[in-house]
Amino acid sequence: MVNNVVLVGRLTRDPETRRTSSGTAVASFTIAVDDSRKGPNGEKVTIFMPVSVFGKAADTVVQFTKKGSLVGVIGRLTQRKYVRRTDNVEVTSTEVVANQVEFMEPKSKSASDSGYVADAPSADGPSSQVDDVSEVKNEDTLNLDLAEDNLPF
């Protein structure tokens, strides 16, 4: 049997973290995923899927994501049954246990929120080095000796 789920969606709230009794980090969050089917009136249908991720990945998710972050989740579906204490009704809960969480937005968008500040360029910084490298590359390409039948196009 195969139990594999791939979802892309946005976090509906900031991820919450906790530790298991053995000390393993667990991050929990919910993502909103657009369904491919339309509602009865032609409107978009959104599925809200709870996700859990364990270990170092949990710490990374908590550190680098927040409400609204676009993530890709690869994992497996799990189902739990429990009796709700308030009214003694048996409830079935379905969630994704993630093996991998990918951050789908560019780093530049989240870098401004993370507190990261780039070093100021020095006087002999990268701009002069880039010019030197481009000159070397141009010289190398001029001295190529290729036969026409070796070209891939």
C-alpha atoms as a PDB file:
ATOM      1  CA  MET A   1       0.000   0.000   0.000  1.00  0.00           C
ATOM      2  CA  VAL A   2       1.115   3.556  -0.665  1.00  0.00           C
ATOM      3  CA  ASN A   3       0.432   6.424   1.715  1.00  0.00           C
ATOM      4  CA  ASN A   4       2.095   9.536   0.302  1.00  0.00           C
ATOM      5  CA  VAL A   5       0.781  13.115   0.348  1.00  0.00           C
ATOM      6  CA  VAL A   6       2.140  16.217  -1.379  1.00  0.00           C
ATOM      7  CA  LEU A   7       0.469  19.534  -0.542  1.00  0.00           C
ATOM      8  CA  VAL A   8       1.278  23.179  -1.205  1.00  0.00           C
ATOM      9  CA  GLY A   9      -0.487  25.805   0.850  1.00  0.00           C
ATOM     10  CA  ARG A  10      -0.218  28.735   3.223  1.00  0.00           C
ATOM     11  CA  LEU A  11       0.028  28.509   7.001  1.00  0.00           C
ATOM     12  CA  THR A  12      -3.205  29.634   8.657  1.00  0.00           C
ATOM     13  CA  ARG A  13      -1.404  30.444  11.924  1.00  0.00           C
ATOM     14  CA  ASP A  14       2.118  30.519  13.331  1.00  0.00           C
ATOM     15  CA  PRO A  15       3.471  27.007  13.955  1.00  0.00           C
ATOM     16  CA  GLU A  16       3.349  25.759  17.546  1.00  0.00           C
ATOM     17  CA  THR A  17       6.127  23.683  19.015  1.00  0.00           C
ATOM     18  CA  ARG A  18       6.240  21.181  21.856  1.00  0.00           C
ATOM     19  CA  ARG A  19       8.446  18.295  22.973  1.00  0.00           C
ATOM     20  CA  THR A  20       7.609  14.629  23.295  1.00  0.00           C
ATOM     21  CA  SER A  21       8.416  12.812  26.544  1.00  0.00           C
ATOM     22  CA  SER A  22      11.685  11.670  24.931  1.00  0.00           C
ATOM     23  CA  GLY A  23      12.613  15.277  24.045  1.00  0.00           C
ATOM     24  CA  THR A  24      11.882  15.223  20.306  1.00  0.00           C
ATOM     25  CA  ALA A  25      10.616  18.542  18.917  1.00  0.00           C
ATOM     26  CA  VAL A  26       7.166  18.526  17.303  1.00  0.00           C
ATOM     27  CA  ALA A  27       5.812  21.461  15.281  1.00  0.00           C
ATOM     28  CA  SER A  28       2.114  21.654  14.498  1.00  0.00           C
ATOM     29  CA  PHE A  29       0.436  23.956  12.011  1.00  0.00           C
ATOM     30  CA  THR A  30      -2.451  24.061   9.576  1.00  0.00           C
ATOM     31  CA  ILE A  31      -2.156  24.846   5.881  1.00  0.00           C
ATOM     32  CA  ALA A  32      -4.879  26.113   3.579  1.00  0.00           C
ATOM     33  CA  VAL A  33      -4.862  24.219   0.282  1.00  0.00           C
ATOM     34  CA  ASP A  34      -7.034  25.111  -2.711  1.00  0.00           C
ATOM     35  CA  ASP A  35      -8.978  22.098  -3.956  1.00  0.00           C
ATOM     36  CA  SER A  36      -9.199  21.456  -7.689  1.00  0.00           C
ATOM     37  CA  ARG A  37     -12.976  21.076  -7.536  1.00  0.00           C
ATOM     38  CA  LYS A  38     -15.373  24.000  -7.359  1.00  0.00           C
ATOM     39  CA  GLY A  39     -18.215  24.511  -4.880  1.00  0.00           C
ATOM     40  CA  PRO A  40     -21.901  24.307  -5.826  1.00  0.00           C
ATOM     41  CA  ASN A  41     -21.955  27.965  -6.883  1.00  0.00           C
ATOM     42  CA  GLY A  42     -18.631  27.806  -8.754  1.00  0.00           C
ATOM     43  CA  GLU A  43     -16.607  29.230  -5.862  1.00  0.00           C
ATOM     44  CA  LYS A  44     -13.154  28.014  -4.903  1.00  0.00           C
ATOM     45  CA  VAL A  45     -13.021  25.264  -2.248  1.00  0.00           C
ATOM     46  CA  THR A  46     -10.279  25.426   0.369  1.00  0.00           C
ATOM     47  CA  ILE A  47      -9.168  22.501   2.525  1.00  0.00           C
ATOM     48  CA  PHE A  48      -7.586  23.194   5.912  1.00  0.00           C
ATOM     49  CA  MET A  49      -5.148  20.383   6.661  1.00  0.00           C
ATOM     50  CA  PRO A  50      -3.406  19.945  10.021  1.00  0.00           C
ATOM     51  CA  VAL A  51       0.292  19.056   9.722  1.00  0.00           C
ATOM     52  CA  SER A  52       2.846  17.766  12.248  1.00  0.00           C
ATOM     53  CA  VAL A  53       6.592  17.599  11.689  1.00  0.00           C
ATOM     54  CA  PHE A  54       9.185  16.079  14.035  1.00  0.00           C
ATOM     55  CA  GLY A  55      12.852  16.561  14.936  1.00  0.00           C
ATOM     56  CA  LYS A  56      15.176  19.188  13.512  1.00  0.00           C
ATOM     57  CA  ALA A  57      12.694  19.919  10.733  1.00  0.00           C
ATOM     58  CA  ALA A  58      10.212  21.018  13.421  1.00  0.00           C
ATOM     59  CA  ASP A  59      12.694  23.529  14.850  1.00  0.00           C
ATOM     60  CA  THR A  60      13.445  24.835  11.350  1.00  0.00           C
ATOM     61  CA  VAL A  61       9.757  25.279  10.496  1.00  0.00           C
ATOM     62  CA  VAL A  62       9.128  27.211  13.712  1.00  0.00           C
ATOM     63  CA  GLN A  63      12.173  29.408  13.105  1.00  0.00           C
ATOM     64  CA  PHE A  64      11.551  30.294   9.444  1.00  0.00           C
ATOM     65  CA  THR A  65       7.780  30.275   8.892  1.00  0.00           C
ATOM     66  CA  LYS A  66       4.830  32.236  10.185  1.00  0.00           C
ATOM     67  CA  LYS A  67       1.163  32.760   9.396  1.00  0.00           C
ATOM     68  CA  GLY A  68       0.784  33.230   5.620  1.00  0.00           C
ATOM     69  CA  SER A  69       4.061  31.495   4.648  1.00  0.00           C
ATOM     70  CA  LEU A  70       3.811  29.367   1.500  1.00  0.00           C
ATOM     71  CA  VAL A  71       5.107  25.834   2.129  1.00  0.00           C
ATOM     72  CA  GLY A  72       5.230  22.499   0.368  1.00  0.00           C
ATOM     73  CA  VAL A  73       4.622  19.457   2.551  1.00  0.00           C
ATOM     74  CA  ILE A  74       5.560  15.877   1.718  1.00  0.00           C
ATOM     75  CA  GLY A  75       4.416  13.210   4.137  1.00  0.00           C
ATOM     76  CA  ARG A  76       1.795  10.622   4.980  1.00  0.00           C
ATOM     77  CA  LEU A  77      -1.819  10.733   6.135  1.00  0.00           C
ATOM     78  CA  THR A  78      -2.645   9.549   9.635  1.00  0.00           C
ATOM     79  CA  GLN A  79      -5.938   9.139  11.438  1.00  0.00           C
ATOM     80  CA  ARG A  80      -6.574   9.226  15.174  1.00  0.00           C
ATOM     81  CA  LYS A  81      -9.726   8.373  17.068  1.00  0.00           C
ATOM     82  CA  TYR A  82     -10.431   9.748  20.494  1.00  0.00           C
ATOM     83  CA  VAL A  83     -13.363  10.501  22.766  1.00  0.00           C
ATOM     84  CA  ARG A  84     -13.999  14.195  23.252  1.00  0.00           C
ATOM     85  CA  ARG A  85     -14.094  14.942  26.984  1.00  0.00           C
ATOM     86  CA  THR A  86     -16.751  17.637  26.791  1.00  0.00           C
ATOM     87  CA  ASP A  87     -19.557  15.462  25.395  1.00  0.00           C
ATOM     88  CA  ASN A  88     -18.128  11.899  25.213  1.00  0.00           C
ATOM     89  CA  VAL A  89     -18.426  11.751  21.422  1.00  0.00           C
ATOM     90  CA  GLU A  90     -15.922   9.690  19.432  1.00  0.00           C
ATOM     91  CA  VAL A  91     -14.026  11.962  17.018  1.00  0.00           C
ATOM     92  CA  THR A  92     -11.836  10.964  14.088  1.00  0.00           C
ATOM     93  CA  SER A  93      -9.004  13.337  13.250  1.00  0.00           C
ATOM     94  CA  THR A  94      -7.029  13.206   9.981  1.00  0.00           C
ATOM     95  CA  GLU A  95      -3.663  14.935   9.650  1.00  0.00           C
ATOM     96  CA  VAL A  96      -0.440  14.869   7.655  1.00  0.00           C
ATOM     97  CA  VAL A  97       2.777  13.751   9.334  1.00  0.00           C
ATOM     98  CA  ALA A  98       5.412  15.556   7.274  1.00  0.00           C
ATOM     99  CA  ASN A  99       8.694  13.955   6.260  1.00  0.00           C
ATOM    100  CA  GLN A 100       9.753  17.133   4.483  1.00  0.00           C
ATOM    101  CA  VAL A 101       8.643  20.780   4.536  1.00  0.00           C
ATOM    102  CA  GLU A 102       9.841  23.031   1.715  1.00  0.00           C
ATOM    103  CA  PHE A 103       9.772  26.827   1.975  1.00  0.00           C
ATOM    104  CA  MET A 104       8.221  27.969  -1.303  1.00  0.00           C
ATOM    105  CA  GLU A 105       8.798  31.731  -1.097  1.00  0.00           C
ATOM    106  CA  PRO A 106      12.022  33.474  -2.090  1.00  0.00           C
ATOM    107  CA  LYS A 107      14.575  34.038   0.660  1.00  0.00           C
ATOM    108  CA  SER A 108      14.591  37.763   0.001  1.00  0.00           C
ATOM    109  CA  LYS A 109      10.949  38.027   1.071  1.00  0.00           C
ATOM    110  CA  SER A 110      11.478  36.260   4.377  1.00  0.00           C
ATOM    111  CA  ALA A 111      15.017  37.603   4.966  1.00  0.00           C
ATOM    112  CA  SER A 112      13.681  41.061   5.795  1.00  0.00           C
ATOM    113  CA  ASP A 113      11.524  39.544   8.546  1.00  0.00           C
ATOM    114  CA  SER A 114      14.224  37.296   9.981  1.00  0.00           C
ATOM    115  CA  GLY A 115      16.451  40.075  11.351  1.00  0.00           C
ATOM    116  CA  TYR A 116      19.330  39.162   9.029  1.00  0.00           C
ATOM    117  CA  VAL A 117      21.430  42.171   8.007  1.00  0.00           C
ATOM    118  CA  ALA A 118      24.015  41.755   5.254  1.00  0.00           C
ATOM    119  CA  ASP A 119      27.554  43.034   5.801  1.00  0.00           C
ATOM    120  CA  ALA A 120      28.319  46.439   4.325  1.00  0.00           C
ATOM    121  CA  PRO A 121      30.460  46.188   1.159  1.00  0.00           C
ATOM    122  CA  SER A 122      34.115  47.050   1.668  1.00  0.00           C
ATOM    123  CA  ALA A 123      36.159  49.396  -0.529  1.00  0.00           C
ATOM    124  CA  ASP A 124      37.801  46.467  -2.325  1.00  0.00           C
ATOM    125  CA  GLY A 125      34.575  44.440  -2.095  1.00  0.00           C
ATOM    126  CA  PRO A 126      32.735  42.255  -4.541  1.00  0.00           C
ATOM    127  CA  SER A 127      32.189  44.835  -7.274  1.00  0.00           C
ATOM    128  CA  SER A 128      35.881  44.929  -8.205  1.00  0.00           C
ATOM    129  CA  GLN A 129      36.150  41.147  -7.938  1.00  0.00           C
ATOM    130  CA  VAL A 130      33.195  40.608 -10.244  1.00  0.00           C
ATOM    131  CA  ASP A 131      34.769  42.765 -12.953  1.00  0.00           C
ATOM    132  CA  ASP A 132      38.010  40.768 -12.746  1.00  0.00           C
ATOM    133  CA  VAL A 133      36.168  37.439 -12.987  1.00  0.00           C
ATOM    134  CA  SER A 134      34.132  38.513 -16.013  1.00  0.00           C
ATOM    135  CA  GLU A 135      37.298  39.590 -17.810  1.00  0.00           C
ATOM    136  CA  VAL A 136      38.921  36.201 -17.170  1.00  0.00           C
ATOM    137  CA  LYS A 137      35.845  34.358 -18.393  1.00  0.00           C
ATOM    138  CA  ASN A 138      35.732  36.422 -21.578  1.00  0.00           C
ATOM    139  CA  GLU A 139      39.397  35.678 -22.315  1.00  0.00           C
ATOM    140  CA  ASP A 140      38.827  31.945 -21.773  1.00  0.00           C
ATOM    141  CA  THR A 141      35.865  31.815 -24.115  1.00  0.00           C
ATOM    142  CA  LEU A 142      37.772  33.576 -26.891  1.00  0.00           C
ATOM    143  CA  ASN A 143      40.514  30.914 -26.902  1.00  0.00           C
ATOM    144  CA  LEU A 144      38.228  27.882 -27.248  1.00  0.00           C
ATOM    145  CA  ASP A 145      39.172  25.505 -30.027  1.00  0.00           C
ATOM    146  CA  LEU A 146      36.061  23.464 -30.914  1.00  0.00           C
ATOM    147  CA  ALA A 147      35.264  21.509 -34.007  1.00  0.00           C
ATOM    148  CA  GLU A 148      31.814  22.260 -35.452  1.00  0.00           C
ATOM    149  CA  ASP A 149      30.746  18.611 -35.251  1.00  0.00           C
ATOM    150  CA  ASN A 150      31.293  18.658 -31.432  1.00  0.00           C
ATOM    151  CA  LEU A 151      28.662  21.340 -30.835  1.00  0.00           C
ATOM    152  CA  PRO A 152      25.342  20.124 -29.435  1.00  0.00           C
ATOM    153  CA  PHE A 153      23.251  22.427 -31.665  1.00  0.00           C
END
